[in-house]
């Protein structure tokens, strides 16, 4: 269980970067909004802080 908080921090960072990329795709108009894309963006926005919270809790 020693590497779990570090793994969760990296996973939270990855989710945040992917959410920013997804938002950029929406803003520049490369892809239009669809239910799946918006749901993915929202899931990434929720998963990132949850992973950071779990990493601090498991220290």
C-alpha atoms as a PDB file:
ATOM      1  CA  UNK A   1       0.000   0.000   0.000  1.00  0.00           C
ATOM      2  CA  UNK A   2       3.083   2.194  -0.053  1.00  0.00           C
ATOM      3  CA  UNK A   3       2.754   3.244  -3.708  1.00  0.00           C
ATOM      4  CA  UNK A   4      -1.020   3.708  -3.735  1.00  0.00           C
ATOM      5  CA  UNK A   5      -1.090   7.424  -2.764  1.00  0.00           C
ATOM      6  CA  UNK A   6       1.533   8.215  -5.394  1.00  0.00           C
ATOM      7  CA  UNK A   7      -0.414   6.268  -8.017  1.00  0.00           C
ATOM      8  CA  UNK A   8      -3.622   8.118  -7.114  1.00  0.00           C
ATOM      9  CA  UNK A   9      -1.862  11.488  -7.357  1.00  0.00           C
ATOM     10  CA  UNK A  10      -0.602  10.636 -10.841  1.00  0.00           C
ATOM     11  CA  UNK A  11      -4.050   9.379 -11.815  1.00  0.00           C
ATOM     12  CA  UNK A  12      -5.643  12.600 -10.555  1.00  0.00           C
ATOM     13  CA  UNK A  13      -3.142  14.662 -12.526  1.00  0.00           C
ATOM     14  CA  UNK A  14      -3.781  12.602 -15.654  1.00  0.00           C
ATOM     15  CA  UNK A  15      -7.547  13.082 -15.289  1.00  0.00           C
ATOM     16  CA  UNK A  16      -7.072  16.839 -14.899  1.00  0.00           C
ATOM     17  CA  UNK A  17      -4.862  17.059 -18.004  1.00  0.00           C
ATOM     18  CA  UNK A  18      -7.318  14.992 -20.029  1.00  0.00           C
ATOM     19  CA  UNK A  19     -10.217  17.207 -18.887  1.00  0.00           C
ATOM     20  CA  UNK A  20      -8.330  20.339 -19.974  1.00  0.00           C
ATOM     21  CA  UNK A  21      -7.591  18.729 -23.335  1.00  0.00           C
ATOM     22  CA  UNK A  22     -11.258  17.802 -23.720  1.00  0.00           C
ATOM     23  CA  UNK A  23     -12.286  21.361 -22.902  1.00  0.00           C
ATOM     24  CA  UNK A  24      -9.802  22.654 -25.463  1.00  0.00           C
ATOM     25  CA  UNK A  25     -11.302  20.393 -28.125  1.00  0.00           C
ATOM     26  CA  UNK A  26     -14.721  21.847 -27.340  1.00  0.00           C
ATOM     27  CA  UNK A  27     -13.495  25.450 -27.318  1.00  0.00           C
ATOM     28  CA  UNK A  28     -11.674  25.345 -30.647  1.00  0.00           C
ATOM     29  CA  UNK A  29     -14.591  23.534 -32.249  1.00  0.00           C
ATOM     30  CA  UNK A  30     -12.707  20.449 -33.403  1.00  0.00           C
ATOM     31  CA  UNK A  31     -15.597  18.225 -32.275  1.00  0.00           C
ATOM     32  CA  UNK A  32     -19.129  19.286 -31.436  1.00  0.00           C
ATOM     33  CA  UNK A  33     -20.781  18.532 -28.152  1.00  0.00           C
ATOM     34  CA  UNK A  34     -22.421  15.168 -27.738  1.00  0.00           C
ATOM     35  CA  UNK A  35     -23.752  13.344 -24.726  1.00  0.00           C
ATOM     36  CA  UNK A  36     -20.771  10.994 -24.579  1.00  0.00           C
ATOM     37  CA  UNK A  37     -18.162  13.739 -24.833  1.00  0.00           C
ATOM     38  CA  UNK A  38     -19.831  15.886 -22.196  1.00  0.00           C
ATOM     39  CA  UNK A  39     -20.266  12.855 -19.910  1.00  0.00           C
ATOM     40  CA  UNK A  40     -16.581  11.999 -20.331  1.00  0.00           C
ATOM     41  CA  UNK A  41     -15.581  15.571 -19.509  1.00  0.00           C
ATOM     42  CA  UNK A  42     -17.769  15.594 -16.390  1.00  0.00           C
ATOM     43  CA  UNK A  43     -16.465  12.202 -15.284  1.00  0.00           C
ATOM     44  CA  UNK A  44     -12.881  13.432 -15.614  1.00  0.00           C
ATOM     45  CA  UNK A  45     -13.734  16.599 -13.675  1.00  0.00           C
ATOM     46  CA  UNK A  46     -15.162  14.490 -10.842  1.00  0.00           C
ATOM     47  CA  UNK A  47     -12.475  11.785 -10.912  1.00  0.00           C
ATOM     48  CA  UNK A  48      -9.538  14.160 -10.605  1.00  0.00           C
ATOM     49  CA  UNK A  49     -10.390  15.703  -7.196  1.00  0.00           C
ATOM     50  CA  UNK A  50     -11.611  12.338  -5.912  1.00  0.00           C
ATOM     51  CA  UNK A  51      -8.252  10.751  -6.746  1.00  0.00           C
ATOM     52  CA  UNK A  52      -6.377  13.616  -5.063  1.00  0.00           C
ATOM     53  CA  UNK A  53      -8.619  13.335  -1.995  1.00  0.00           C
ATOM     54  CA  UNK A  54      -8.097   9.580  -1.776  1.00  0.00           C
ATOM     55  CA  UNK A  55      -4.334   9.964  -2.114  1.00  0.00           C
ATOM     56  CA  UNK A  56      -4.259  12.339   0.872  1.00  0.00           C
ATOM     57  CA  UNK A  57      -6.571  10.125   2.890  1.00  0.00           C
ATOM     58  CA  UNK A  58      -4.505   6.974   2.333  1.00  0.00           C
ATOM     59  CA  UNK A  59      -1.192   8.571   3.421  1.00  0.00           C
END
